[in-house]
Amino acid sequence: MQNRVGRGLLVLSAVLALLMVGPATTASAETIQTGTSVCSMYVNSIGFGAYCSNGAAYVGGGDPPPTWRKRLAGRPFIPCRDFDIPDGIRLPKAPDGKKWVMRITITDYNLDTYDGGDNAHLERAYVPVGPVEEAQCPFPNYMAPFWHDFRSDYPPPALVVMPTYTPRVNVPAFFSLTPKSSKVEADKVANPGEYSGYIDPTHNLTMRGLVVEMTVDPGDGTKPFKCAMGVTPEDDPDGYDETQDPFHQINTCKHTYERSSANQPDDMYTVKLTITWEVSYWVGKGAGGWQPIGQANVTAVQRLPVQEAQAIGG
């Protein structure tokens, strides 16, 4: 799920393909000839894909959609949902009687708009919950459409923090994304259609997306920093080396907090991520290799507790 929904009308044609109207920071398109067809490929902050046709399709029009408040019809707006912890996230044993969940919350929304307003976004946190905490975030059926406004073709970002999910003051914390949340790639044979990797066998066209850069605003008032993510995230030579302590790592995607998050809302810093996806395509089975189309930025927010204790561990 992405932090901001794309707005506007989509016009599909061989020349212009799904360029997002709204807050996208980058968007690209490319048109190619494949066989007897023309394919227009696109990448933006919602996702990527292609349209192979000589015709055109139009989506939109009609009366403006109702506001969130009208859609609620007097029912309470429940801004949070609990999900399973993503693969690749390591957490310590949960307190007795509790379990770990990824809690996602719609924040800064405006019920008097049709899409939550320009400031509405998602915030993620890994939290232990028991029956009382679980009851805070029920998910009645009527709430499902409000979450659709945040859908994206990219997988939800899963932030990994090493050497512990709760950074310690004055100890470097290292940031990365799980492999599954940093690539969108389909394999016709092994795993066709994994995530939203685009395959059009009729036109011999395959597309993939990889995270190539991540900008981290650590939320403590210091400047954001950029991290190169590489093209093979699951085999990153600059990943965290668990045979070395935090002070002897070659990975430069790190930040050292000088104060705990005790005085922050919910005792957590608000970490803002700007994730840069690069999308490429491959035509046919030849040796032409992947050809880049362009890049797009996806933003996300992660809540992160930082503790005073100096011991390393979950």
Foldseek 3Di string as FASTA:
>chain_A
DFWFFFDDKAKDALVDGGDTDDDWPDKFWDWDDFPPWIKIWIQTQQGIEIDIDHDMDIDDDDDDAAFQVVLCVPPDAQFKDWAQQDPPEDADDAPPQWDKTKMKGFPCFDRRHRQRDPPTTIEIEIDIDHPVVNVSHDDDPSNVVNCVSRHGLQDPWRKYWPPHLAAAAQFKIAIDTPQNRFKFFADPPPHGCRRNFYDDPVRQKTKMKGFQKKWKDQQPPDDIDMAGCDDRNVDDPQDDDPVDGRVDGPGPRIDHHNDWQCVPVVQWGKMKMKTKMWMWMDGHDDPPDTHTGGITITMYIYTHGYYHDPDHDD
